[in-house]
N, C-alpha and C. Protein backbone atom coordinates (compact mmCIF):
# COMPACT_ATOMS: atom_id res chain seq x y z
N MET A 1 -16.15 -33.98 27.71
CA MET A 1 -16.06 -32.49 27.12
C MET A 1 -16.32 -33.06 25.67
N SER A 2 -16.68 -31.61 25.14
CA SER A 2 -17.23 -31.66 23.82
C SER A 2 -15.93 -31.55 22.69
N ALA A 3 -16.32 -31.27 21.65
CA ALA A 3 -15.49 -31.51 20.31
C ALA A 3 -14.18 -30.64 20.94
N VAL A 4 -12.80 -30.69 20.46
CA VAL A 4 -11.84 -30.15 20.81
C VAL A 4 -11.99 -28.68 19.73
N SER A 5 -11.65 -27.53 20.59
CA SER A 5 -11.67 -26.34 19.89
C SER A 5 -10.26 -25.95 19.38
N PRO A 6 -9.98 -25.28 18.23
CA PRO A 6 -8.71 -24.79 17.88
C PRO A 6 -7.77 -24.63 19.10
N VAL A 7 -6.35 -24.58 18.84
CA VAL A 7 -5.44 -24.01 19.59
C VAL A 7 -5.11 -22.90 18.99
N VAL A 8 -5.15 -21.66 19.89
CA VAL A 8 -4.95 -20.15 19.67
C VAL A 8 -3.40 -19.76 19.97
N TRP A 9 -3.03 -19.41 18.69
CA TRP A 9 -1.74 -19.09 18.64
C TRP A 9 -1.51 -17.63 18.75
N VAL A 10 -0.88 -16.63 19.47
CA VAL A 10 -0.71 -15.20 19.96
C VAL A 10 0.74 -14.99 19.91
N SER A 11 0.97 -13.58 19.28
CA SER A 11 2.45 -13.25 19.18
C SER A 11 3.04 -12.78 20.48
N THR A 12 4.03 -12.54 20.80
CA THR A 12 4.59 -11.89 21.82
C THR A 12 4.24 -10.45 21.92
N THR A 13 4.10 -9.90 20.78
CA THR A 13 4.00 -8.71 20.46
C THR A 13 2.42 -8.20 20.84
N LEU A 14 1.60 -9.19 20.27
CA LEU A 14 0.18 -8.86 20.68
C LEU A 14 -0.09 -8.87 22.14
N LEU A 15 0.57 -9.50 22.61
CA LEU A 15 0.37 -10.16 24.29
C LEU A 15 0.96 -8.60 24.98
N GLU A 16 2.46 -8.25 24.30
CA GLU A 16 2.49 -6.78 25.16
C GLU A 16 1.78 -5.73 24.65
N ILE A 17 1.22 -5.58 23.79
CA ILE A 17 -0.20 -4.68 23.45
C ILE A 17 -1.44 -4.75 24.10
N THR A 18 -1.55 -5.90 24.32
CA THR A 18 -2.88 -6.23 25.01
C THR A 18 -2.45 -5.80 26.72
N GLY A 19 -1.44 -5.86 27.14
CA GLY A 19 -0.87 -5.73 28.44
C GLY A 19 -1.17 -4.38 28.63
N SER A 20 -0.40 -3.78 27.65
CA SER A 20 -0.60 -1.95 27.62
C SER A 20 -1.57 -1.23 27.80
N LEU A 21 -2.84 -2.33 26.70
CA LEU A 21 -3.98 -1.65 26.64
C LEU A 21 -4.99 -1.71 28.07
N LEU A 22 -4.67 -3.09 28.65
CA LEU A 22 -5.34 -3.30 29.81
C LEU A 22 -4.99 -2.49 30.81
N ALA A 23 -3.40 -1.95 31.15
CA ALA A 23 -3.04 -0.94 32.19
C ALA A 23 -3.46 0.25 31.96
N SER A 24 -4.05 0.56 30.69
CA SER A 24 -4.46 1.91 30.40
C SER A 24 -5.77 2.38 30.99
N PHE A 25 -6.22 1.05 31.39
CA PHE A 25 -7.67 1.22 31.86
C PHE A 25 -7.53 2.00 33.46
N ALA A 26 -6.31 1.26 33.85
CA ALA A 26 -6.22 1.90 35.56
C ALA A 26 -5.10 2.96 35.98
N THR A 27 -4.91 3.76 34.87
CA THR A 27 -3.97 4.69 35.04
C THR A 27 -4.40 5.88 36.11
N GLU A 28 -5.83 6.10 35.79
CA GLU A 28 -6.23 7.31 36.55
C GLU A 28 -6.86 6.63 38.10
N ARG A 29 -6.84 5.75 38.04
CA ARG A 29 -7.79 5.23 39.43
C ARG A 29 -7.76 3.44 38.99
N PRO A 30 -7.74 2.81 40.12
CA PRO A 30 -7.86 1.25 39.77
C PRO A 30 -9.13 0.98 39.20
N ALA A 31 -9.10 0.15 37.97
CA ALA A 31 -10.13 -0.39 37.24
C ALA A 31 -9.69 -1.51 36.46
N GLU A 32 -10.49 -2.46 36.06
CA GLU A 32 -10.24 -3.62 35.15
C GLU A 32 -10.53 -3.11 33.69
N GLY A 33 -9.74 -3.87 32.86
CA GLY A 33 -9.89 -3.49 31.38
C GLY A 33 -10.08 -4.59 30.61
N VAL A 34 -10.57 -4.32 29.61
CA VAL A 34 -11.00 -5.22 28.61
C VAL A 34 -10.46 -5.12 27.24
N VAL A 35 -10.12 -6.31 26.56
CA VAL A 35 -9.48 -6.28 24.97
C VAL A 35 -10.08 -7.41 24.55
N TYR A 36 -10.50 -7.47 22.97
CA TYR A 36 -11.19 -8.67 22.56
C TYR A 36 -10.36 -8.82 21.54
N TRP A 37 -9.90 -10.19 21.40
CA TRP A 37 -9.23 -10.67 20.21
C TRP A 37 -10.09 -11.39 19.40
N PHE A 38 -9.66 -10.65 18.03
CA PHE A 38 -10.08 -11.51 16.60
C PHE A 38 -8.86 -11.97 16.10
N GLY A 39 -9.24 -13.16 15.31
CA GLY A 39 -8.21 -13.63 14.23
C GLY A 39 -8.94 -14.49 13.55
N MET A 40 -7.97 -15.51 12.86
CA MET A 40 -8.60 -16.44 11.92
C MET A 40 -8.43 -17.67 12.48
N GLU A 41 -9.46 -18.39 11.96
CA GLU A 41 -9.50 -19.97 12.26
C GLU A 41 -9.33 -20.85 11.18
N CYS A 42 -8.49 -21.88 11.53
CA CYS A 42 -8.19 -22.77 10.13
C CYS A 42 -8.15 -24.02 10.53
N GLY A 43 -8.85 -24.90 10.82
CA GLY A 43 -9.33 -26.28 11.20
C GLY A 43 -8.94 -26.25 12.69
N GLU A 44 -7.69 -26.92 13.06
CA GLU A 44 -7.36 -27.29 14.33
C GLU A 44 -6.56 -25.91 14.84
N HIS A 45 -6.42 -25.00 14.41
CA HIS A 45 -5.46 -23.88 14.74
C HIS A 45 -6.21 -22.50 14.50
N ALA A 46 -6.29 -21.57 15.21
CA ALA A 46 -6.52 -20.04 15.26
C ALA A 46 -5.63 -19.04 15.42
N VAL A 47 -5.32 -18.01 14.68
CA VAL A 47 -4.22 -17.27 15.20
C VAL A 47 -4.78 -15.88 15.40
N VAL A 48 -4.62 -15.29 16.62
CA VAL A 48 -5.10 -13.88 16.94
C VAL A 48 -4.27 -13.07 15.91
N THR A 49 -5.17 -11.84 15.36
CA THR A 49 -4.57 -11.00 14.42
C THR A 49 -4.55 -9.77 14.81
N SER A 50 -5.55 -9.24 15.90
CA SER A 50 -5.96 -8.06 16.26
C SER A 50 -6.58 -7.80 17.59
N ALA A 51 -6.35 -6.77 18.02
CA ALA A 51 -6.62 -6.58 19.26
C ALA A 51 -7.58 -5.39 19.43
N VAL A 52 -8.90 -5.26 20.04
CA VAL A 52 -9.86 -4.12 19.81
C VAL A 52 -10.27 -3.99 21.42
N VAL A 53 -10.15 -2.34 21.58
CA VAL A 53 -10.64 -2.51 22.83
C VAL A 53 -12.03 -1.49 22.84
N PRO A 54 -13.06 -2.35 23.62
CA PRO A 54 -14.61 -1.80 23.05
C PRO A 54 -14.46 -0.69 24.44
N ASP A 55 -15.73 0.12 24.05
CA ASP A 55 -16.06 1.50 25.03
C ASP A 55 -16.70 0.74 26.10
N ALA A 56 -16.08 0.46 27.12
CA ALA A 56 -15.95 -0.06 28.45
C ALA A 56 -16.60 0.86 29.37
N ASP A 57 -17.51 0.39 30.36
CA ASP A 57 -17.93 1.14 31.77
C ASP A 57 -16.96 0.44 32.33
N THR A 58 -15.97 1.21 33.31
CA THR A 58 -15.27 0.89 34.20
C THR A 58 -15.48 1.87 35.46
N ARG A 59 -16.44 2.76 35.53
CA ARG A 59 -16.89 3.18 36.83
C ARG A 59 -17.14 2.87 38.22
N SER A 60 -17.44 1.30 37.88
CA SER A 60 -17.75 0.60 39.33
C SER A 60 -16.05 0.05 39.75
N GLY A 61 -15.02 0.14 38.80
CA GLY A 61 -13.79 -0.60 39.17
C GLY A 61 -13.87 -1.99 38.35
N GLY A 62 -15.07 -2.26 37.93
CA GLY A 62 -15.05 -3.65 37.19
C GLY A 62 -14.99 -3.23 35.98
N VAL A 63 -15.68 -4.02 34.91
CA VAL A 63 -15.90 -3.60 33.53
C VAL A 63 -17.23 -4.23 33.01
N LEU A 64 -17.57 -3.16 32.28
CA LEU A 64 -18.94 -3.60 31.61
C LEU A 64 -19.01 -3.33 30.42
N THR A 65 -19.35 -4.14 29.54
CA THR A 65 -19.43 -3.82 27.85
C THR A 65 -21.12 -4.04 27.76
N GLY A 66 -22.04 -2.92 26.96
CA GLY A 66 -23.16 -3.04 26.69
C GLY A 66 -22.97 -3.45 24.98
N PRO A 67 -24.31 -3.58 24.60
CA PRO A 67 -24.65 -4.23 23.31
C PRO A 67 -23.99 -3.36 22.42
N GLY A 68 -24.09 -1.95 22.51
CA GLY A 68 -23.81 -1.06 21.43
C GLY A 68 -22.06 -1.26 21.56
N ALA A 69 -21.68 -1.15 22.45
CA ALA A 69 -19.98 -1.28 22.67
C ALA A 69 -19.51 -2.27 21.77
N ASN A 70 -20.26 -3.50 21.97
CA ASN A 70 -19.98 -4.80 21.42
C ASN A 70 -20.20 -4.74 19.95
N ALA A 71 -21.33 -3.97 19.59
CA ALA A 71 -21.69 -3.92 18.17
C ALA A 71 -20.46 -3.40 17.40
N GLU A 72 -20.00 -1.96 18.01
CA GLU A 72 -19.06 -1.24 17.56
C GLU A 72 -17.95 -2.22 17.50
N ALA A 73 -17.38 -3.00 18.42
CA ALA A 73 -16.20 -3.84 18.19
C ALA A 73 -16.30 -4.65 17.37
N LEU A 74 -17.32 -5.42 16.91
CA LEU A 74 -17.69 -6.52 16.17
C LEU A 74 -17.87 -5.76 14.57
N ALA A 75 -17.80 -4.35 14.81
CA ALA A 75 -18.19 -3.86 13.24
C ALA A 75 -16.71 -3.42 12.50
N THR A 76 -15.62 -3.78 13.38
CA THR A 76 -14.41 -3.59 12.96
C THR A 76 -13.94 -4.88 12.03
N ILE A 77 -14.76 -6.09 12.27
CA ILE A 77 -14.43 -7.17 11.47
C ILE A 77 -15.38 -7.41 10.29
N VAL A 78 -16.33 -6.67 10.10
CA VAL A 78 -17.36 -6.78 9.19
C VAL A 78 -16.53 -6.76 7.77
N GLY A 79 -16.87 -8.02 7.11
CA GLY A 79 -16.23 -7.87 5.77
C GLY A 79 -14.80 -8.56 5.61
N THR A 80 -14.13 -8.63 6.40
CA THR A 80 -13.13 -9.51 6.78
C THR A 80 -12.99 -11.15 6.96
N PRO A 81 -12.42 -11.85 7.27
CA PRO A 81 -12.32 -13.35 7.53
C PRO A 81 -12.20 -13.20 8.86
N LEU A 82 -12.15 -12.49 9.79
CA LEU A 82 -11.74 -12.61 11.28
C LEU A 82 -12.97 -12.92 11.75
N VAL A 83 -12.63 -13.60 13.05
CA VAL A 83 -13.85 -13.82 14.03
C VAL A 83 -13.52 -13.68 15.35
N LEU A 84 -14.45 -13.15 16.14
CA LEU A 84 -13.99 -13.50 17.66
C LEU A 84 -13.30 -14.44 18.03
N LEU A 85 -12.28 -14.54 18.73
CA LEU A 85 -11.64 -15.75 19.41
C LEU A 85 -11.55 -15.66 20.93
N GLY A 86 -12.06 -14.54 21.13
CA GLY A 86 -11.89 -14.42 22.87
C GLY A 86 -11.85 -13.03 23.55
N GLN A 87 -11.52 -12.81 24.60
CA GLN A 87 -11.15 -11.75 25.21
C GLN A 87 -10.15 -11.80 26.40
N VAL A 88 -9.29 -10.80 26.56
CA VAL A 88 -8.52 -10.68 27.53
C VAL A 88 -9.16 -9.54 28.59
N HIS A 89 -8.97 -10.00 29.90
CA HIS A 89 -9.20 -8.77 30.97
C HIS A 89 -8.56 -9.04 32.33
N SER A 90 -8.54 -7.78 32.73
CA SER A 90 -8.04 -7.45 34.07
C SER A 90 -8.69 -7.92 35.46
N HIS A 91 -7.98 -8.38 36.47
CA HIS A 91 -8.38 -8.26 37.52
C HIS A 91 -7.38 -7.51 38.61
N PRO A 92 -8.11 -6.94 39.65
CA PRO A 92 -6.84 -6.49 40.96
C PRO A 92 -6.08 -7.57 41.59
N ARG A 93 -5.18 -7.10 42.35
CA ARG A 93 -4.24 -8.30 42.58
C ARG A 93 -3.73 -9.55 41.93
N GLY A 94 -3.83 -10.52 42.43
CA GLY A 94 -3.38 -11.66 42.00
C GLY A 94 -4.86 -12.67 41.61
N MET A 95 -5.60 -12.10 41.70
CA MET A 95 -6.78 -12.92 41.46
C MET A 95 -6.84 -13.34 39.80
N VAL A 96 -7.06 -14.69 39.54
CA VAL A 96 -7.22 -14.90 38.08
C VAL A 96 -8.22 -15.64 37.70
N ARG A 97 -9.34 -16.20 38.74
CA ARG A 97 -10.09 -16.91 38.33
C ARG A 97 -11.34 -15.99 37.98
N HIS A 98 -12.24 -16.54 37.02
CA HIS A 98 -13.75 -15.64 36.74
C HIS A 98 -14.47 -15.50 38.01
N SER A 99 -15.05 -14.60 38.00
CA SER A 99 -15.80 -14.42 39.15
C SER A 99 -17.10 -14.83 38.37
N TRP A 100 -18.17 -14.91 39.04
CA TRP A 100 -19.91 -15.38 38.79
C TRP A 100 -19.88 -14.41 37.78
N VAL A 101 -19.57 -13.13 37.96
CA VAL A 101 -20.22 -11.98 36.81
C VAL A 101 -19.25 -12.16 35.53
N ASP A 102 -17.94 -12.66 35.60
CA ASP A 102 -17.54 -12.72 34.62
C ASP A 102 -18.08 -14.14 33.68
N ASP A 103 -18.39 -15.21 34.52
CA ASP A 103 -18.85 -16.48 33.92
C ASP A 103 -20.39 -16.08 33.04
N ARG A 104 -20.99 -15.01 33.56
CA ARG A 104 -22.29 -14.58 33.26
C ARG A 104 -22.23 -13.59 32.07
N ASP A 105 -21.58 -12.75 32.43
CA ASP A 105 -21.45 -11.16 31.45
C ASP A 105 -20.41 -11.34 30.45
N THR A 106 -19.42 -12.03 30.60
CA THR A 106 -18.22 -12.27 29.22
C THR A 106 -19.08 -12.27 28.19
N PHE A 107 -18.34 -11.20 27.20
CA PHE A 107 -19.30 -11.20 25.93
C PHE A 107 -19.11 -12.26 24.89
N ALA A 108 -17.95 -12.78 25.29
CA ALA A 108 -17.48 -14.23 24.10
C ALA A 108 -18.25 -15.19 25.00
N GLN A 109 -19.44 -15.59 24.22
CA GLN A 109 -20.49 -16.69 25.25
C GLN A 109 -20.23 -17.94 23.87
N PHE A 110 -19.36 -18.42 23.49
CA PHE A 110 -19.66 -19.80 22.64
C PHE A 110 -18.64 -20.56 22.57
N PRO A 111 -18.82 -21.81 22.10
CA PRO A 111 -18.13 -22.78 22.16
C PRO A 111 -16.73 -22.72 22.06
N GLY A 112 -15.36 -22.74 22.79
CA GLY A 112 -14.02 -22.54 22.21
C GLY A 112 -13.59 -21.23 22.62
N ALA A 113 -14.46 -20.44 22.87
CA ALA A 113 -14.11 -18.76 23.42
C ALA A 113 -12.73 -19.01 24.54
N LEU A 114 -11.97 -18.33 24.34
CA LEU A 114 -10.98 -18.03 25.48
C LEU A 114 -11.26 -16.71 26.42
N SER A 115 -10.97 -16.78 27.46
CA SER A 115 -11.00 -15.70 28.32
C SER A 115 -9.80 -15.81 29.37
N ILE A 116 -8.96 -14.76 28.96
CA ILE A 116 -7.92 -14.65 29.93
C ILE A 116 -7.79 -13.43 31.13
N VAL A 117 -7.52 -13.86 32.37
CA VAL A 117 -7.55 -12.83 33.00
C VAL A 117 -6.34 -12.61 33.62
N VAL A 118 -5.86 -11.19 33.65
CA VAL A 118 -4.75 -10.73 34.09
C VAL A 118 -4.55 -10.14 35.28
N PRO A 119 -3.75 -10.51 36.17
CA PRO A 119 -3.81 -9.75 37.37
C PRO A 119 -3.40 -8.86 37.47
N HIS A 120 -3.21 -7.75 38.60
CA HIS A 120 -2.68 -6.66 38.81
C HIS A 120 -2.90 -5.47 37.82
N PHE A 121 -4.46 -5.37 37.30
CA PHE A 121 -4.96 -4.79 36.53
C PHE A 121 -4.11 -4.47 35.15
N GLY A 122 -3.41 -5.54 34.81
CA GLY A 122 -2.35 -5.53 33.78
C GLY A 122 -1.24 -4.49 33.87
N ARG A 123 -0.80 -4.08 34.82
CA ARG A 123 0.28 -2.97 35.27
C ARG A 123 1.70 -3.70 35.09
N ARG A 124 1.62 -5.19 35.09
CA ARG A 124 2.76 -6.05 35.10
C ARG A 124 3.39 -6.43 34.00
N GLY A 125 2.17 -6.22 32.86
CA GLY A 125 2.17 -7.04 31.35
C GLY A 125 1.36 -8.00 31.55
N ILE A 126 1.82 -9.03 30.66
CA ILE A 126 1.29 -10.33 30.68
C ILE A 126 2.15 -11.45 30.80
N ASP A 127 2.00 -12.04 31.59
CA ASP A 127 3.16 -13.32 31.82
C ASP A 127 1.87 -14.74 32.00
N LEU A 128 1.84 -15.28 31.31
CA LEU A 128 0.70 -15.99 31.13
C LEU A 128 0.95 -17.33 32.25
N GLN A 129 1.86 -17.02 32.53
CA GLN A 129 2.26 -18.18 33.62
C GLN A 129 1.58 -17.95 35.25
N ASN A 130 1.30 -16.49 34.98
CA ASN A 130 0.79 -15.64 35.93
C ASN A 130 -0.73 -15.38 36.11
N CYS A 131 -1.33 -15.92 34.51
CA CYS A 131 -2.59 -15.53 34.47
C CYS A 131 -3.42 -16.70 34.60
N GLY A 132 -4.94 -16.26 34.30
CA GLY A 132 -5.85 -17.46 34.44
C GLY A 132 -6.41 -17.51 33.02
N VAL A 133 -6.23 -18.76 32.68
CA VAL A 133 -6.59 -18.91 31.35
C VAL A 133 -8.19 -19.96 31.09
N HIS A 134 -8.98 -19.59 30.84
CA HIS A 134 -10.25 -20.39 30.70
C HIS A 134 -10.90 -20.30 29.57
N ARG A 135 -11.41 -21.33 29.38
CA ARG A 135 -11.91 -21.70 27.88
C ARG A 135 -13.84 -22.01 28.04
N HIS A 136 -14.38 -21.71 27.02
CA HIS A 136 -15.66 -22.09 26.96
C HIS A 136 -15.79 -23.34 26.33
N ILE A 137 -16.21 -24.49 27.33
CA ILE A 137 -16.46 -25.54 27.11
C ILE A 137 -17.65 -26.30 27.83
N ASP A 138 -18.64 -27.31 26.94
CA ASP A 138 -19.87 -27.52 27.14
C ASP A 138 -20.69 -26.59 28.01
N GLY A 139 -20.57 -25.56 27.41
CA GLY A 139 -21.55 -24.21 27.99
C GLY A 139 -21.29 -23.19 29.00
N ARG A 140 -20.12 -23.34 29.45
CA ARG A 140 -19.63 -22.77 30.48
C ARG A 140 -18.08 -22.80 30.46
N TYR A 141 -17.63 -21.40 31.22
CA TYR A 141 -16.38 -21.23 31.08
C TYR A 141 -15.60 -22.22 32.15
N ARG A 142 -14.35 -22.62 31.71
CA ARG A 142 -13.88 -23.70 32.55
C ARG A 142 -12.13 -23.27 32.63
N PHE A 143 -11.78 -23.22 33.92
CA PHE A 143 -10.29 -22.55 34.13
C PHE A 143 -9.46 -23.74 34.07
N LEU A 144 -8.45 -23.58 33.14
CA LEU A 144 -7.55 -24.64 32.68
C LEU A 144 -6.48 -24.58 33.54
N ALA A 145 -6.18 -25.96 34.13
CA ALA A 145 -4.87 -26.21 34.58
C ALA A 145 -3.44 -25.63 34.03
N ARG A 146 -2.83 -25.09 34.51
CA ARG A 146 -1.40 -24.89 33.73
C ARG A 146 -0.94 -25.73 32.45
N GLU A 147 -0.73 -27.37 33.11
CA GLU A 147 -0.12 -28.26 32.31
C GLU A 147 -1.28 -28.47 30.79
N ASP A 148 -2.41 -27.75 30.87
CA ASP A 148 -3.50 -27.91 29.76
C ASP A 148 -3.68 -26.80 29.29
N ILE A 149 -2.82 -25.70 29.30
CA ILE A 149 -2.98 -24.81 28.74
C ILE A 149 -2.23 -24.76 27.27
N PRO A 150 -1.47 -25.42 27.23
CA PRO A 150 -0.30 -25.51 25.62
C PRO A 150 -1.49 -26.21 24.73
N GLN A 151 -2.57 -26.93 25.29
CA GLN A 151 -3.50 -27.66 24.21
C GLN A 151 -4.55 -26.50 23.74
N HIS A 152 -4.57 -25.19 24.28
CA HIS A 152 -5.61 -24.29 23.94
C HIS A 152 -5.01 -23.09 23.59
N LEU A 153 -3.94 -22.49 23.98
CA LEU A 153 -3.43 -21.17 23.99
C LEU A 153 -1.80 -21.55 23.59
N ARG A 154 -1.13 -21.09 22.56
CA ARG A 154 0.48 -20.84 22.27
C ARG A 154 0.97 -19.62 22.47
N VAL A 155 2.30 -19.27 22.75
CA VAL A 155 2.52 -17.69 22.22
C VAL A 155 3.78 -18.33 21.40
N ILE A 156 3.90 -17.36 20.24
CA ILE A 156 4.65 -17.54 19.18
C ILE A 156 5.52 -15.92 19.18
N ALA A 157 6.79 -16.03 18.52
CA ALA A 157 7.67 -14.77 18.56
C ALA A 157 6.86 -13.71 17.57
N GLY A 158 6.57 -12.71 17.95
CA GLY A 158 5.95 -11.56 17.10
C GLY A 158 7.28 -10.95 16.50
N VAL A 159 8.47 -10.90 16.70
CA VAL A 159 9.57 -10.68 15.76
C VAL A 159 10.70 -11.15 16.22
N SER A 160 11.44 -11.85 15.26
CA SER A 160 12.55 -12.31 15.25
C SER A 160 14.08 -11.94 14.36
N ASP A 161 14.70 -11.49 14.98
CA ASP A 161 15.86 -11.32 13.99
C ASP A 161 16.88 -11.72 14.30
N PHE A 162 17.67 -12.68 13.48
CA PHE A 162 18.75 -13.29 13.47
C PHE A 162 19.92 -12.71 12.66
N ARG A 163 19.94 -11.50 12.38
CA ARG A 163 21.13 -11.00 11.61
C ARG A 163 22.11 -10.95 12.46
N ARG A 164 23.46 -11.34 12.09
CA ARG A 164 24.51 -11.40 12.77
C ARG A 164 25.57 -10.21 12.60
N SER A 165 25.17 -9.75 11.77
CA SER A 165 26.23 -8.53 11.31
C SER A 165 25.46 -7.48 10.70
N GLY A 166 25.95 -6.11 10.66
CA GLY A 166 25.24 -5.19 9.88
C GLY A 166 23.84 -4.78 10.71
N ARG A 167 23.86 -4.83 11.84
CA ARG A 167 22.70 -4.31 12.49
C ARG A 167 22.21 -3.00 12.38
N SER A 168 21.01 -2.97 11.71
CA SER A 168 20.36 -1.29 11.83
C SER A 168 19.76 -1.10 13.01
N SER A 169 19.34 0.04 12.94
CA SER A 169 18.70 0.33 14.25
C SER A 169 17.22 -0.30 14.22
N GLN A 170 16.83 -0.66 13.28
CA GLN A 170 15.71 -1.40 13.15
C GLN A 170 15.50 -2.79 13.91
N SER A 171 16.96 -3.11 13.93
CA SER A 171 17.20 -4.59 14.68
C SER A 171 17.38 -4.42 16.17
N ARG A 172 17.35 -3.17 16.46
CA ARG A 172 17.36 -2.81 17.94
C ARG A 172 15.77 -2.75 18.42
N GLY A 173 14.83 -3.17 17.67
CA GLY A 173 13.37 -2.73 18.07
C GLY A 173 13.05 -1.54 17.68
N GLU A 174 13.73 -0.69 16.57
CA GLU A 174 13.08 0.65 16.62
C GLU A 174 12.51 0.33 14.82
N TYR A 175 11.22 0.12 15.02
CA TYR A 175 10.71 -0.26 13.64
C TYR A 175 9.80 0.80 12.93
N ALA A 176 10.07 1.03 11.70
CA ALA A 176 9.37 1.96 11.00
C ALA A 176 7.95 1.35 10.73
N THR A 177 7.18 2.50 10.70
CA THR A 177 5.94 1.96 10.69
C THR A 177 5.10 2.78 9.33
């Protein structure tokens, strides 16, 4: 295999948001959805900071993005230090491997790109134990075995509150924005 790609770190908060965004594609009828992950790379590590939903065509039940939709998504990071790290998209039922269409048409086609496939149209949220994690290695996407995932993708807490007394409403998950 080629050079090692950075380990990508994502917070539980962004995983939850990504799951909700994917499920939103399938509210009116069964349809796949897609979310692009942008973040920062720093040597052997990368951190997902942003989730961007492109204007995807889901009329066929699958998900397609064209050059205009992808350009619009990329425009959100122009002038920032962020880069595209990969994408998360949903499939029906428990299918979590890339289809040949996914291999060919996934927008993120570069060494080290992640492509995570979430089952059940994302309606059950994202539990990485039930997802397919793919990494672009040696010119193509490869399905990662469960034991290999921590070498490529790790989850960290999005919010941790260790107060033992004087808990406010914010410590119960009610955060002001």
